[in-house]
């Protein structure tokens, strides 16, 4: 990872881990159908409407901020994606999963149905394109699937298996189904194991991350 020269306009694009995985298959499954923009590096508190040199310099400090080179770990970059919202939107959409944290016993199942609040004047709480859900360590789950979205992108994402040391997994749907692992060796000497679940609205760009704890069965 490094910094880009921000004195010139630069486009720095690389494949994500998922893109590299699909490209390596060499079976035609690698096709770029979507892209995302984000502003992770920008600190908007540096916008200065009292700059003595006038309005042309209000964003001078922001323009001079260092920009990171692209790198493929989606859990470390592009957390704050830019989204287009309807004109006149007064409140940013937020996600409600029905849980602020999830605790499961071994083998327990749970279905999560995300809802988007402050979205489309509150006339709609479910997003047409659905939601992407990323679990940081899928080994904690014996089942992790998305349902309710039948797009090609969703089908490909939901059918993907993890490779090598990549233990995160992303699925797409309007409902996310979880079932915790029954494998005791993952716990070692611990009575609990933990990970996180990140859900993003594919239309609104709203994002939420909650912790997941799996308790080892004592029976």
C-alpha atoms as a PDB file:
ATOM      1  CA  UNK A   1       0.000   0.000   0.000  1.00  0.00           C
ATOM      2  CA  UNK A   2       1.192   3.515  -0.769  1.00  0.00           C
ATOM      3  CA  UNK A   3       0.085   7.037  -1.614  1.00  0.00           C
ATOM      4  CA  UNK A   4      -0.903   8.461  -4.977  1.00  0.00           C
ATOM      5  CA  UNK A   5       0.379  11.719  -6.423  1.00  0.00           C
ATOM      6  CA  UNK A   6      -2.614  13.966  -5.768  1.00  0.00           C
ATOM      7  CA  UNK A   7      -1.270  16.850  -7.836  1.00  0.00           C
ATOM      8  CA  UNK A   8      -2.558  15.163 -11.001  1.00  0.00           C
ATOM      9  CA  UNK A   9      -5.791  13.359 -11.831  1.00  0.00           C
ATOM     10  CA  UNK A  10      -5.172   9.630 -11.468  1.00  0.00           C
ATOM     11  CA  UNK A  11      -7.370   6.570 -11.842  1.00  0.00           C
ATOM     12  CA  UNK A  12      -5.923   3.642  -9.896  1.00  0.00           C
ATOM     13  CA  UNK A  13      -8.004   0.507 -10.391  1.00  0.00           C
ATOM     14  CA  UNK A  14      -7.247  -3.102  -9.456  1.00  0.00           C
ATOM     15  CA  UNK A  15      -9.236  -6.298  -9.141  1.00  0.00           C
ATOM     16  CA  UNK A  16     -10.715  -7.175  -5.777  1.00  0.00           C
ATOM     17  CA  UNK A  17     -10.110 -10.575  -4.219  1.00  0.00           C
ATOM     18  CA  UNK A  18     -13.411 -11.711  -5.719  1.00  0.00           C
ATOM     19  CA  UNK A  19     -12.412 -10.433  -9.147  1.00  0.00           C
ATOM     20  CA  UNK A  20      -9.073 -12.227  -8.991  1.00  0.00           C
ATOM     21  CA  UNK A  21     -10.811 -15.428  -7.947  1.00  0.00           C
ATOM     22  CA  UNK A  22     -13.222 -15.268 -10.899  1.00  0.00           C
ATOM     23  CA  UNK A  23     -10.427 -14.370 -13.325  1.00  0.00           C
ATOM     24  CA  UNK A  24      -8.367 -17.356 -12.135  1.00  0.00           C
ATOM     25  CA  UNK A  25     -11.227 -19.725 -12.939  1.00  0.00           C
ATOM     26  CA  UNK A  26     -10.810 -18.939 -16.670  1.00  0.00           C
ATOM     27  CA  UNK A  27     -14.348 -20.164 -17.332  1.00  0.00           C
ATOM     28  CA  UNK A  28     -15.982 -16.955 -18.512  1.00  0.00           C
ATOM     29  CA  UNK A  29     -17.388 -16.089 -15.082  1.00  0.00           C
ATOM     30  CA  UNK A  30     -15.198 -12.972 -14.851  1.00  0.00           C
ATOM     31  CA  UNK A  31     -17.237 -10.065 -16.183  1.00  0.00           C
ATOM     32  CA  UNK A  32     -17.206  -6.538 -14.775  1.00  0.00           C
ATOM     33  CA  UNK A  33     -20.849  -5.567 -14.303  1.00  0.00           C
ATOM     34  CA  UNK A  34     -20.649  -3.058 -11.451  1.00  0.00           C
ATOM     35  CA  UNK A  35     -18.277  -0.574  -9.882  1.00  0.00           C
ATOM     36  CA  UNK A  36     -18.317   1.516  -6.736  1.00  0.00           C
ATOM     37  CA  UNK A  37     -16.937   4.882  -5.644  1.00  0.00           C
ATOM     38  CA  UNK A  38     -16.007   5.879  -2.103  1.00  0.00           C
ATOM     39  CA  UNK A  39     -14.504   8.718  -0.106  1.00  0.00           C
ATOM     40  CA  UNK A  40     -12.837   6.868   2.767  1.00  0.00           C
ATOM     41  CA  UNK A  41      -9.829   9.204   2.905  1.00  0.00           C
ATOM     42  CA  UNK A  42     -11.806  12.462   3.004  1.00  0.00           C
ATOM     43  CA  UNK A  43     -12.186  14.385   6.267  1.00  0.00           C
ATOM     44  CA  UNK A  44     -15.029  16.801   5.575  1.00  0.00           C
ATOM     45  CA  UNK A  45     -14.439  18.648   8.842  1.00  0.00           C
ATOM     46  CA  UNK A  46     -11.482  20.263   7.054  1.00  0.00           C
ATOM     47  CA  UNK A  47     -13.848  22.169   4.744  1.00  0.00           C
ATOM     48  CA  UNK A  48     -13.353  25.801   5.774  1.00  0.00           C
ATOM     49  CA  UNK A  49     -16.085  28.276   4.730  1.00  0.00           C
ATOM     50  CA  UNK A  50     -14.212  31.045   6.616  1.00  0.00           C
ATOM     51  CA  UNK A  51     -11.025  30.769   4.567  1.00  0.00           C
ATOM     52  CA  UNK A  52      -9.608  34.307   4.190  1.00  0.00           C
ATOM     53  CA  UNK A  53      -8.906  33.801   0.467  1.00  0.00           C
ATOM     54  CA  UNK A  54     -12.539  33.246  -0.453  1.00  0.00           C
ATOM     55  CA  UNK A  55     -14.844  30.456  -1.590  1.00  0.00           C
ATOM     56  CA  UNK A  56     -12.385  29.008  -4.107  1.00  0.00           C
ATOM     57  CA  UNK A  57     -10.220  27.922  -1.160  1.00  0.00           C
ATOM     58  CA  UNK A  58     -12.890  26.486   1.159  1.00  0.00           C
ATOM     59  CA  UNK A  59     -11.911  22.935   0.173  1.00  0.00           C
ATOM     60  CA  UNK A  60      -8.175  23.569  -0.212  1.00  0.00           C
ATOM     61  CA  UNK A  61      -7.226  21.397   2.780  1.00  0.00           C
ATOM     62  CA  UNK A  62      -9.385  18.545   1.495  1.00  0.00           C
ATOM     63  CA  UNK A  63      -7.872  18.751  -1.989  1.00  0.00           C
ATOM     64  CA  UNK A  64      -4.410  18.430  -0.438  1.00  0.00           C
ATOM     65  CA  UNK A  65      -5.144  15.281   1.562  1.00  0.00           C
ATOM     66  CA  UNK A  66      -3.101  12.166   0.668  1.00  0.00           C
ATOM     67  CA  UNK A  67      -4.886   9.512  -1.401  1.00  0.00           C
ATOM     68  CA  UNK A  68      -4.223   5.798  -0.947  1.00  0.00           C
ATOM     69  CA  UNK A  69      -3.354   3.430  -3.741  1.00  0.00           C
ATOM     70  CA  UNK A  70      -5.977   0.812  -4.473  1.00  0.00           C
ATOM     71  CA  UNK A  71      -5.629  -2.523  -2.701  1.00  0.00           C
ATOM     72  CA  UNK A  72      -7.831  -5.618  -2.864  1.00  0.00           C
ATOM     73  CA  UNK A  73      -8.999  -6.115   0.729  1.00  0.00           C
ATOM     74  CA  UNK A  74     -12.582  -4.837   0.689  1.00  0.00           C
ATOM     75  CA  UNK A  75     -12.772  -5.041   4.479  1.00  0.00           C
ATOM     76  CA  UNK A  76     -10.061  -2.375   4.788  1.00  0.00           C
ATOM     77  CA  UNK A  77     -10.981   0.082   2.020  1.00  0.00           C
ATOM     78  CA  UNK A  78     -14.113   1.514   0.414  1.00  0.00           C
ATOM     79  CA  UNK A  79     -16.112   1.169   3.607  1.00  0.00           C
ATOM     80  CA  UNK A  80     -17.953   4.410   2.872  1.00  0.00           C
ATOM     81  CA  UNK A  81     -19.279   4.094  -0.653  1.00  0.00           C
ATOM     82  CA  UNK A  82     -20.858   7.001  -2.500  1.00  0.00           C
ATOM     83  CA  UNK A  83     -24.521   6.571  -3.375  1.00  0.00           C
ATOM     84  CA  UNK A  84     -27.041   8.518  -5.452  1.00  0.00           C
ATOM     85  CA  UNK A  85     -30.157   9.389  -3.451  1.00  0.00           C
ATOM     86  CA  UNK A  86     -33.367  11.031  -4.701  1.00  0.00           C
ATOM     87  CA  UNK A  87     -33.299  14.824  -4.966  1.00  0.00           C
ATOM     88  CA  UNK A  88     -34.657  16.441  -1.812  1.00  0.00           C
ATOM     89  CA  UNK A  89     -33.512  13.644   0.528  1.00  0.00           C
ATOM     90  CA  UNK A  90     -33.303  15.213   3.985  1.00  0.00           C
ATOM     91  CA  UNK A  91     -32.109  12.206   6.000  1.00  0.00           C
ATOM     92  CA  UNK A  92     -29.513   9.589   5.188  1.00  0.00           C
ATOM     93  CA  UNK A  93     -30.884   6.035   4.966  1.00  0.00           C
ATOM     94  CA  UNK A  94     -29.942   3.726   7.842  1.00  0.00           C
ATOM     95  CA  UNK A  95     -30.219  -0.041   8.146  1.00  0.00           C
ATOM     96  CA  UNK A  96     -32.169  -1.915  10.780  1.00  0.00           C
ATOM     97  CA  UNK A  97     -31.377  -5.616  11.145  1.00  0.00           C
ATOM     98  CA  UNK A  98     -33.518  -6.130  14.211  1.00  0.00           C
ATOM     99  CA  UNK A  99     -30.336  -6.835  16.192  1.00  0.00           C
ATOM    100  CA  UNK A 100     -27.459  -4.751  17.527  1.00  0.00           C
ATOM    101  CA  UNK A 101     -25.524  -7.962  18.246  1.00  0.00           C
ATOM    102  CA  UNK A 102     -26.129 -11.657  17.598  1.00  0.00           C
ATOM    103  CA  UNK A 103     -25.365 -14.548  19.950  1.00  0.00           C
ATOM    104  CA  UNK A 104     -25.897 -18.114  18.766  1.00  0.00           C
ATOM    105  CA  UNK A 105     -25.430 -21.530  20.292  1.00  0.00           C
ATOM    106  CA  UNK A 106     -23.681 -24.160  18.206  1.00  0.00           C
ATOM    107  CA  UNK A 107     -25.948 -25.321  15.383  1.00  0.00           C
ATOM    108  CA  UNK A 108     -28.529 -22.587  15.980  1.00  0.00           C
ATOM    109  CA  UNK A 109     -30.176 -20.953  12.960  1.00  0.00           C
ATOM    110  CA  UNK A 110     -31.259 -17.363  12.405  1.00  0.00           C
ATOM    111  CA  UNK A 111     -32.870 -15.500   9.498  1.00  0.00           C
ATOM    112  CA  UNK A 112     -32.170 -11.762   9.195  1.00  0.00           C
ATOM    113  CA  UNK A 113     -34.414  -9.501   7.113  1.00  0.00           C
ATOM    114  CA  UNK A 114     -32.768  -6.071   6.766  1.00  0.00           C
ATOM    115  CA  UNK A 115     -34.890  -2.955   6.465  1.00  0.00           C
ATOM    116  CA  UNK A 116     -33.834   0.496   5.278  1.00  0.00           C
ATOM    117  CA  UNK A 117     -35.205   3.439   7.232  1.00  0.00           C
ATOM    118  CA  UNK A 118     -35.408   7.031   5.918  1.00  0.00           C
ATOM    119  CA  UNK A 119     -35.516   5.581   2.409  1.00  0.00           C
ATOM    120  CA  UNK A 120     -37.694   6.883  -0.454  1.00  0.00           C
ATOM    121  CA  UNK A 121     -39.738   9.044   1.927  1.00  0.00           C
ATOM    122  CA  UNK A 122     -40.353   5.965   4.117  1.00  0.00           C
ATOM    123  CA  UNK A 123     -42.665   4.526   1.451  1.00  0.00           C
ATOM    124  CA  UNK A 124     -40.361   1.541   1.014  1.00  0.00           C
ATOM    125  CA  UNK A 125     -38.238  -0.249   3.613  1.00  0.00           C
ATOM    126  CA  UNK A 126     -36.872  -3.052   1.416  1.00  0.00           C
ATOM    127  CA  UNK A 127     -34.387  -2.249  -1.326  1.00  0.00           C
ATOM    128  CA  UNK A 128     -35.114  -3.531  -4.816  1.00  0.00           C
ATOM    129  CA  UNK A 129     -31.547  -4.715  -5.439  1.00  0.00           C
ATOM    130  CA  UNK A 130     -31.378  -6.290  -1.981  1.00  0.00           C
ATOM    131  CA  UNK A 131     -28.505  -6.256   0.479  1.00  0.00           C
ATOM    132  CA  UNK A 132     -24.961  -7.562   0.493  1.00  0.00           C
ATOM    133  CA  UNK A 133     -23.957  -9.298   3.719  1.00  0.00           C
ATOM    134  CA  UNK A 134     -20.319 -10.014   4.512  1.00  0.00           C
ATOM    135  CA  UNK A 135     -19.269 -12.220   7.395  1.00  0.00           C
ATOM    136  CA  UNK A 136     -15.658 -11.711   8.416  1.00  0.00           C
ATOM    137  CA  UNK A 137     -15.038 -15.384   9.231  1.00  0.00           C
ATOM    138  CA  UNK A 138     -17.405 -17.791   7.530  1.00  0.00           C
ATOM    139  CA  UNK A 139     -15.848 -20.751   9.369  1.00  0.00           C
ATOM    140  CA  UNK A 140     -18.126 -19.851  12.286  1.00  0.00           C
ATOM    141  CA  UNK A 141     -21.135 -20.724  10.126  1.00  0.00           C
ATOM    142  CA  UNK A 142     -22.216 -24.055   8.705  1.00  0.00           C
ATOM    143  CA  UNK A 143     -24.751 -22.119   6.589  1.00  0.00           C
ATOM    144  CA  UNK A 144     -24.472 -18.547   5.302  1.00  0.00           C
ATOM    145  CA  UNK A 145     -26.793 -17.787   2.383  1.00  0.00           C
ATOM    146  CA  UNK A 146     -28.745 -14.952   0.812  1.00  0.00           C
ATOM    147  CA  UNK A 147     -32.295 -15.359  -0.523  1.00  0.00           C
ATOM    148  CA  UNK A 148     -34.814 -13.222  -2.350  1.00  0.00           C
ATOM    149  CA  UNK A 149     -32.703 -11.698  -5.136  1.00  0.00           C
ATOM    150  CA  UNK A 150     -32.453 -13.554  -8.447  1.00  0.00           C
ATOM    151  CA  UNK A 151     -30.030 -11.325 -10.344  1.00  0.00           C
ATOM    152  CA  UNK A 152     -26.986 -12.810 -12.066  1.00  0.00           C
ATOM    153  CA  UNK A 153     -24.664 -10.959  -9.690  1.00  0.00           C
ATOM    154  CA  UNK A 154     -26.511 -12.339  -6.662  1.00  0.00           C
ATOM    155  CA  UNK A 155     -26.468 -15.890  -8.042  1.00  0.00           C
ATOM    156  CA  UNK A 156     -22.721 -15.761  -8.680  1.00  0.00           C
ATOM    157  CA  UNK A 157     -21.974 -14.204  -5.299  1.00  0.00           C
ATOM    158  CA  UNK A 158     -24.118 -16.654  -3.362  1.00  0.00           C
ATOM    159  CA  UNK A 159     -22.554 -19.661  -5.105  1.00  0.00           C
ATOM    160  CA  UNK A 160     -18.977 -18.605  -4.356  1.00  0.00           C
ATOM    161  CA  UNK A 161     -16.880 -20.693  -1.968  1.00  0.00           C
ATOM    162  CA  UNK A 162     -13.910 -19.441   0.021  1.00  0.00           C
ATOM    163  CA  UNK A 163     -10.398 -20.315  -1.090  1.00  0.00           C
ATOM    164  CA  UNK A 164      -7.148 -20.680   0.838  1.00  0.00           C
ATOM    165  CA  UNK A 165      -6.786 -18.249   3.714  1.00  0.00           C
ATOM    166  CA  UNK A 166      -9.709 -16.077   2.589  1.00  0.00           C
ATOM    167  CA  UNK A 167     -12.283 -16.777   5.296  1.00  0.00           C
ATOM    168  CA  UNK A 168     -14.689 -13.903   4.662  1.00  0.00           C
ATOM    169  CA  UNK A 169     -17.775 -14.478   2.525  1.00  0.00           C
ATOM    170  CA  UNK A 170     -20.322 -12.163   0.930  1.00  0.00           C
ATOM    171  CA  UNK A 171     -23.863 -13.070  -0.129  1.00  0.00           C
ATOM    172  CA  UNK A 172     -26.703 -11.019  -1.620  1.00  0.00           C
ATOM    173  CA  UNK A 173     -30.392 -11.186  -0.792  1.00  0.00           C
ATOM    174  CA  UNK A 174     -33.362  -9.637   0.950  1.00  0.00           C
ATOM    175  CA  UNK A 175     -33.031 -12.301   3.651  1.00  0.00           C
ATOM    176  CA  UNK A 176     -29.770 -13.566   5.139  1.00  0.00           C
ATOM    177  CA  UNK A 177     -29.786 -17.053   6.641  1.00  0.00           C
ATOM    178  CA  UNK A 178     -27.246 -18.074   9.271  1.00  0.00           C
ATOM    179  CA  UNK A 179     -26.574 -21.363  11.009  1.00  0.00           C
ATOM    180  CA  UNK A 180     -23.668 -21.545  13.426  1.00  0.00           C
ATOM    181  CA  UNK A 181     -20.987 -24.199  13.199  1.00  0.00           C
ATOM    182  CA  UNK A 182     -21.069 -27.502  15.046  1.00  0.00           C
ATOM    183  CA  UNK A 183     -17.297 -27.997  14.732  1.00  0.00           C
ATOM    184  CA  UNK A 184     -15.749 -27.971  18.207  1.00  0.00           C
ATOM    185  CA  UNK A 185     -12.138 -27.688  17.034  1.00  0.00           C
ATOM    186  CA  UNK A 186     -12.678 -24.054  16.025  1.00  0.00           C
ATOM    187  CA  UNK A 187     -13.129 -23.111  19.679  1.00  0.00           C
ATOM    188  CA  UNK A 188      -9.855 -24.519  20.937  1.00  0.00           C
ATOM    189  CA  UNK A 189      -9.814 -23.805  24.684  1.00  0.00           C
ATOM    190  CA  UNK A 190     -12.358 -20.957  24.319  1.00  0.00           C
ATOM    191  CA  UNK A 191     -16.019 -21.160  25.195  1.00  0.00           C
ATOM    192  CA  UNK A 192     -16.962 -18.564  22.577  1.00  0.00           C
ATOM    193  CA  UNK A 193     -15.750 -17.453  19.161  1.00  0.00           C
ATOM    194  CA  UNK A 194     -16.550 -14.112  17.561  1.00  0.00           C
ATOM    195  CA  UNK A 195     -16.793 -12.436  14.171  1.00  0.00           C
ATOM    196  CA  UNK A 196     -18.653  -9.540  12.563  1.00  0.00           C
ATOM    197  CA  UNK A 197     -21.448  -9.191  10.037  1.00  0.00           C
ATOM    198  CA  UNK A 198     -21.523  -6.177   7.704  1.00  0.00           C
ATOM    199  CA  UNK A 199     -24.682  -5.456   5.713  1.00  0.00           C
ATOM    200  CA  UNK A 200     -24.904  -2.852   2.937  1.00  0.00           C
ATOM    201  CA  UNK A 201     -28.018  -1.680   1.097  1.00  0.00           C
ATOM    202  CA  UNK A 202     -27.261  -2.050  -2.609  1.00  0.00           C
ATOM    203  CA  UNK A 203     -29.562   0.829  -3.609  1.00  0.00           C
ATOM    204  CA  UNK A 204     -29.157   3.238  -0.695  1.00  0.00           C
ATOM    205  CA  UNK A 205     -25.521   2.595   0.254  1.00  0.00           C
ATOM    206  CA  UNK A 206     -26.529   2.414   3.932  1.00  0.00           C
ATOM    207  CA  UNK A 207     -24.174   0.242   5.964  1.00  0.00           C
ATOM    208  CA  UNK A 208     -24.134  -1.425   9.375  1.00  0.00           C
ATOM    209  CA  UNK A 209     -21.729  -3.782  11.162  1.00  0.00           C
ATOM    210  CA  UNK A 210     -22.728  -5.897  14.164  1.00  0.00           C
ATOM    211  CA  UNK A 211     -20.798  -8.486  16.233  1.00  0.00           C
ATOM    212  CA  UNK A 212     -21.642 -12.191  16.153  1.00  0.00           C
ATOM    213  CA  UNK A 213     -20.796 -14.553  19.013  1.00  0.00           C
ATOM    214  CA  UNK A 214     -21.074 -18.338  18.876  1.00  0.00           C
ATOM    215  CA  UNK A 215     -21.204 -20.143  22.209  1.00  0.00           C
ATOM    216  CA  UNK A 216     -19.700 -23.610  22.480  1.00  0.00           C
ATOM    217  CA  UNK A 217     -22.239 -26.272  23.382  1.00  0.00           C
ATOM    218  CA  UNK A 218     -21.693 -27.933  26.749  1.00  0.00           C
ATOM    219  CA  UNK A 219     -23.920 -30.919  25.954  1.00  0.00           C
END
